[in-house]
């Protein structure tokens, strides 16, 4: 009886641990996405452009933000799309 109870307690503890790790990684992803969006807004404002997308990425083993902006073109041409990688 005691062995079965220990076995179920350990299984429950492992499940809770896995769920809490998943929740922590989801929070980390949300925070990185929020930080990248804010960094993208600053970058777009510096370039006098419009922010299209911002997401967390990895480049050469470093955490970066991949930012996509549109810069207005002159003489009625299409806007220019630019992708930039900003350190987090």
N, C-alpha and C. Protein backbone atom coordinates (compact mmCIF):
# COMPACT_ATOMS: atom_id res chain seq x y z
N UNK A 1 0.82 -1.19 0.00
CA UNK A 1 0.00 0.00 0.00
C UNK A 1 0.86 1.26 0.00
N UNK A 2 1.89 1.26 0.84
CA UNK A 2 2.76 2.42 0.95
C UNK A 2 3.53 2.66 -0.34
N UNK A 3 3.97 1.60 -1.01
CA UNK A 3 4.71 1.73 -2.26
C UNK A 3 3.81 2.32 -3.35
N UNK A 4 2.56 1.86 -3.44
CA UNK A 4 1.63 2.38 -4.44
C UNK A 4 1.37 3.87 -4.20
N UNK A 5 1.18 4.26 -2.95
CA UNK A 5 0.92 5.65 -2.61
C UNK A 5 2.12 6.51 -3.00
N UNK A 6 3.34 6.04 -2.72
CA UNK A 6 4.56 6.76 -3.07
C UNK A 6 4.66 6.92 -4.60
N UNK A 7 4.32 5.84 -5.30
CA UNK A 7 4.39 5.83 -6.76
C UNK A 7 3.44 6.87 -7.35
N UNK A 8 2.21 6.94 -6.85
CA UNK A 8 1.23 7.90 -7.34
C UNK A 8 1.61 9.33 -6.96
N UNK A 9 2.17 9.50 -5.77
CA UNK A 9 2.60 10.83 -5.34
C UNK A 9 3.72 11.34 -6.23
N UNK A 10 4.67 10.49 -6.55
CA UNK A 10 5.77 10.88 -7.42
C UNK A 10 5.26 11.20 -8.83
N UNK A 11 4.32 10.41 -9.33
CA UNK A 11 3.75 10.67 -10.66
C UNK A 11 3.05 12.02 -10.68
N UNK A 12 2.29 12.31 -9.65
CA UNK A 12 1.60 13.59 -9.58
C UNK A 12 2.60 14.74 -9.49
N UNK A 13 3.66 14.56 -8.73
CA UNK A 13 4.68 15.60 -8.59
C UNK A 13 5.36 15.86 -9.93
N UNK A 14 5.66 14.80 -10.67
CA UNK A 14 6.29 14.96 -11.97
C UNK A 14 5.36 15.67 -12.96
N UNK A 15 4.08 15.34 -12.92
CA UNK A 15 3.12 16.01 -13.80
C UNK A 15 3.02 17.50 -13.47
N UNK A 16 2.94 17.82 -12.19
CA UNK A 16 2.87 19.23 -11.79
C UNK A 16 4.13 19.97 -12.17
N UNK A 17 5.28 19.32 -12.03
CA UNK A 17 6.55 19.93 -12.41
C UNK A 17 6.58 20.22 -13.91
N UNK A 18 6.13 19.28 -14.71
CA UNK A 18 6.12 19.48 -16.17
C UNK A 18 5.17 20.61 -16.55
N UNK A 19 4.01 20.68 -15.88
CA UNK A 19 3.05 21.74 -16.18
C UNK A 19 3.61 23.09 -15.79
N UNK A 20 4.29 23.19 -14.65
CA UNK A 20 4.84 24.47 -14.23
C UNK A 20 5.98 24.90 -15.15
N UNK A 21 6.79 23.96 -15.64
CA UNK A 21 7.85 24.29 -16.59
C UNK A 21 7.26 24.80 -17.90
N UNK A 22 6.17 24.19 -18.35
CA UNK A 22 5.52 24.65 -19.58
C UNK A 22 4.96 26.06 -19.38
N UNK A 23 4.39 26.32 -18.22
CA UNK A 23 3.85 27.65 -17.94
C UNK A 23 4.96 28.68 -17.89
N UNK A 24 6.10 28.32 -17.29
CA UNK A 24 7.23 29.24 -17.23
C UNK A 24 7.77 29.55 -18.62
N UNK A 25 7.88 28.53 -19.47
CA UNK A 25 8.40 28.78 -20.81
C UNK A 25 7.41 29.61 -21.62
N UNK A 26 6.12 29.43 -21.41
CA UNK A 26 5.12 30.24 -22.10
C UNK A 26 5.23 31.69 -21.65
N UNK A 27 5.46 31.92 -20.35
CA UNK A 27 5.63 33.28 -19.85
C UNK A 27 6.90 33.89 -20.43
N UNK A 28 7.96 33.12 -20.54
CA UNK A 28 9.22 33.61 -21.09
C UNK A 28 9.03 34.01 -22.54
N UNK A 29 8.31 33.20 -23.30
CA UNK A 29 8.05 33.52 -24.70
C UNK A 29 7.23 34.80 -24.82
N UNK A 30 6.22 34.94 -23.97
CA UNK A 30 5.40 36.16 -24.01
C UNK A 30 6.23 37.38 -23.68
N UNK A 31 7.10 37.29 -22.66
CA UNK A 31 7.94 38.42 -22.30
C UNK A 31 8.89 38.77 -23.42
N UNK A 32 9.49 37.78 -24.06
CA UNK A 32 10.39 38.04 -25.19
C UNK A 32 9.64 38.69 -26.33
N UNK A 33 8.44 38.22 -26.60
CA UNK A 33 7.64 38.81 -27.68
C UNK A 33 7.28 40.25 -27.36
N UNK A 34 6.90 40.53 -26.10
CA UNK A 34 6.59 41.89 -25.70
C UNK A 34 7.80 42.79 -25.83
N UNK A 35 8.97 42.30 -25.40
CA UNK A 35 10.20 43.08 -25.49
C UNK A 35 10.55 43.34 -26.95
N UNK A 36 10.38 42.36 -27.81
CA UNK A 36 10.69 42.52 -29.22
C UNK A 36 9.74 43.50 -29.88
N UNK A 37 8.48 43.47 -29.50
CA UNK A 37 7.52 44.40 -30.08
C UNK A 37 7.90 45.84 -29.70
N UNK A 38 8.26 46.06 -28.44
CA UNK A 38 8.67 47.39 -27.99
C UNK A 38 9.95 47.83 -28.69
N UNK A 39 10.91 46.92 -28.83
CA UNK A 39 12.16 47.24 -29.53
C UNK A 39 11.88 47.54 -31.00
N UNK A 40 10.96 46.81 -31.59
CA UNK A 40 10.58 47.06 -32.99
C UNK A 40 9.93 48.41 -33.17
N UNK A 41 9.09 48.80 -32.22
CA UNK A 41 8.45 50.12 -32.29
C UNK A 41 9.50 51.22 -32.21
N UNK A 42 10.47 51.08 -31.30
CA UNK A 42 11.53 52.09 -31.19
C UNK A 42 12.34 52.16 -32.48
N UNK A 43 12.70 50.99 -33.03
CA UNK A 43 13.49 50.95 -34.26
C UNK A 43 12.73 51.58 -35.43
N UNK A 44 11.46 51.26 -35.56
CA UNK A 44 10.64 51.82 -36.63
C UNK A 44 10.54 53.34 -36.49
N UNK A 45 10.38 53.83 -35.26
CA UNK A 45 10.29 55.27 -35.04
C UNK A 45 11.61 55.96 -35.43
N UNK A 46 12.74 55.35 -35.12
CA UNK A 46 14.04 55.92 -35.48
C UNK A 46 14.22 55.98 -36.99
N UNK A 47 13.64 55.01 -37.70
CA UNK A 47 13.77 54.94 -39.16
C UNK A 47 12.66 55.68 -39.88
N UNK A 48 11.75 56.30 -39.13
CA UNK A 48 10.55 56.96 -39.70
C UNK A 48 9.79 55.97 -40.57
N UNK A 49 9.57 54.78 -40.03
CA UNK A 49 8.93 53.69 -40.76
C UNK A 49 7.76 53.14 -39.96
N UNK A 50 7.09 52.14 -40.55
CA UNK A 50 5.96 51.47 -39.92
C UNK A 50 6.37 50.06 -39.54
N UNK A 51 6.11 49.68 -38.29
CA UNK A 51 6.42 48.33 -37.83
C UNK A 51 5.38 47.36 -38.40
N UNK A 52 5.87 46.29 -39.03
CA UNK A 52 4.99 45.27 -39.59
C UNK A 52 4.94 44.04 -38.69
N UNK A 53 6.11 43.60 -38.20
CA UNK A 53 6.18 42.40 -37.38
C UNK A 53 7.42 42.46 -36.49
N UNK A 54 7.32 41.79 -35.34
CA UNK A 54 8.45 41.66 -34.42
C UNK A 54 8.32 40.34 -33.69
N UNK A 55 9.40 39.57 -33.65
CA UNK A 55 9.36 38.29 -32.96
C UNK A 55 10.74 37.96 -32.40
N UNK A 56 10.75 37.16 -31.34
CA UNK A 56 12.00 36.70 -30.76
C UNK A 56 12.62 35.65 -31.67
N UNK A 57 13.94 35.70 -31.80
CA UNK A 57 14.64 34.75 -32.66
C UNK A 57 16.02 34.49 -32.07
N UNK A 58 16.74 33.57 -32.68
CA UNK A 58 18.11 33.27 -32.29
C UNK A 58 18.98 33.40 -33.52
N UNK A 59 20.09 34.10 -33.37
CA UNK A 59 20.99 34.29 -34.50
C UNK A 59 22.42 34.14 -33.99
N UNK A 60 23.14 33.19 -34.55
CA UNK A 60 24.51 32.89 -34.12
C UNK A 60 24.57 32.59 -32.62
N UNK A 61 23.56 31.93 -32.11
CA UNK A 61 23.53 31.55 -30.71
C UNK A 61 23.12 32.66 -29.75
N UNK A 62 22.77 33.83 -30.26
CA UNK A 62 22.36 34.95 -29.42
C UNK A 62 20.88 35.19 -29.57
N UNK A 63 20.25 35.63 -28.48
CA UNK A 63 18.83 35.97 -28.51
C UNK A 63 18.70 37.36 -29.15
N UNK A 64 17.91 37.44 -30.21
CA UNK A 64 17.69 38.70 -30.91
C UNK A 64 16.20 38.87 -31.19
N UNK A 65 15.85 40.05 -31.65
CA UNK A 65 14.49 40.33 -32.12
C UNK A 65 14.55 40.51 -33.63
N UNK A 66 13.73 39.77 -34.34
CA UNK A 66 13.61 39.93 -35.79
C UNK A 66 12.49 40.94 -36.02
N UNK A 67 12.82 42.06 -36.64
CA UNK A 67 11.88 43.16 -36.82
C UNK A 67 11.71 43.42 -38.32
N UNK A 68 10.47 43.55 -38.75
CA UNK A 68 10.16 43.87 -40.15
C UNK A 68 9.48 45.23 -40.17
N UNK A 69 10.02 46.14 -40.99
CA UNK A 69 9.44 47.49 -41.10
C UNK A 69 9.18 47.83 -42.57
N UNK A 70 8.31 48.79 -42.79
CA UNK A 70 8.05 49.33 -44.13
C UNK A 70 8.44 50.80 -44.13
N UNK A 71 9.30 51.18 -45.07
CA UNK A 71 9.72 52.56 -45.23
C UNK A 71 9.03 53.14 -46.46
N UNK A 72 8.44 54.31 -46.29
CA UNK A 72 7.74 54.95 -47.41
C UNK A 72 8.71 55.28 -48.54
N UNK A 73 8.30 54.97 -49.75
CA UNK A 73 9.11 55.27 -50.92
C UNK A 73 8.70 56.62 -51.49
N UNK A 74 9.52 57.13 -52.37
CA UNK A 74 9.24 58.43 -53.00
C UNK A 74 8.68 58.22 -54.40
N UNK A 75 8.06 59.25 -54.94
CA UNK A 75 7.54 59.25 -56.31
C UNK A 75 6.50 58.17 -56.55
N UNK A 76 5.68 57.86 -55.56
CA UNK A 76 4.59 56.91 -55.74
C UNK A 76 5.01 55.46 -55.85
N UNK A 77 6.26 55.15 -55.54
CA UNK A 77 6.72 53.77 -55.59
C UNK A 77 6.21 52.98 -54.39
N UNK A 78 6.34 51.69 -54.45
CA UNK A 78 5.92 50.83 -53.34
C UNK A 78 6.83 51.05 -52.13
N UNK A 79 6.28 50.85 -50.93
CA UNK A 79 7.12 50.96 -49.73
C UNK A 79 8.22 49.90 -49.74
N UNK A 80 9.33 50.23 -49.12
CA UNK A 80 10.47 49.32 -49.04
C UNK A 80 10.36 48.50 -47.76
N UNK A 81 10.46 47.17 -47.89
CA UNK A 81 10.40 46.25 -46.75
C UNK A 81 11.82 45.98 -46.28
N UNK A 82 12.03 46.09 -44.96
CA UNK A 82 13.35 45.86 -44.38
C UNK A 82 13.23 44.91 -43.19
N UNK A 83 14.16 43.96 -43.11
CA UNK A 83 14.23 43.06 -41.97
C UNK A 83 15.49 43.41 -41.18
N UNK A 84 15.34 43.61 -39.88
CA UNK A 84 16.48 43.94 -39.03
C UNK A 84 16.51 42.98 -37.84
N UNK A 85 17.70 42.69 -37.37
CA UNK A 85 17.89 41.87 -36.19
C UNK A 85 18.48 42.74 -35.09
N UNK A 86 17.74 42.89 -33.99
CA UNK A 86 18.12 43.76 -32.90
C UNK A 86 18.45 42.89 -31.69
N UNK A 87 19.61 43.12 -31.03
CA UNK A 87 19.92 42.33 -29.83
C UNK A 87 18.87 42.57 -28.74
N UNK A 88 18.56 41.53 -27.98
CA UNK A 88 17.58 41.67 -26.89
C UNK A 88 18.24 42.24 -25.67
